[in-house]
């Protein structure tokens, strides 16, 4: 009888150890990178410094070091670790959200640059709604795509979406025309606002990437973070654009509001 009890106790102990190990394996662990602070880590995982300190038994929240591993308190959030070949746009597509939603809840200074191993927080639902008030004809969509193609065909896809979004942002601003063609063909002080209109490149056929970028922007994505313009600092010496508030930098383009 004693042997049976011992076997039962041993079996229960093994089950408990297995469950604890599985639980620990499923927990989120963050390895501190040089320059990180506990506050920044808490923001990334949508938790608090107090919760991080409690979960890791930290006596001094200002005393952490690179390479230290932190257990992240579970709060029902979804996180994705960037793998080789990932892009922010592809991550958004795979998780049923948008570029803008990812940009809003993650602190990403360069939207076109993410690193393998970087932790991306995935929103529970899209934080961006489609631009339902914008309705375009087939001809207008073609014009829109041709502009994006001529301005950003060599840029990463997220940069093409940002260019398209900045055009839509102009349409919504009282400082610019409220129609697509009006924005694209606008002339100020004798100068076209977009160089491809001036030199004729806008007449080149749009590629599939530009067309997809237009659809993404119309659907609500705005990697430009509200920009109404952009420029390539290597191709312009215009001081006015250089003095405007910068919203973000993607590829070769600086976006401004």
Foldseek 3Di string as FASTA:
>chain_A
DVVVVVVVVVVVVVVVVVVVVVVVVPWDKDFDAPPDALQLVCLQVVHHLVVQCVQAVPPDRRDDDGRDMTTDDDDPWDKDFDAPPDALQVVQVVQVEALQQQVVSHPDQENGDDDGRDMTTDDPYYPWAALVVDDDDPVLLFLLLLLLCLVDVPFPLLVSLQVLLLLCLQLVDPVFPVDSVRSQQPADPNHGQRVCVVVVSSPDGGDPSSSVSNVSNNRTDHPQQSFNDKDQVVPDPDVVVVPAAFSHDYGRITTGD
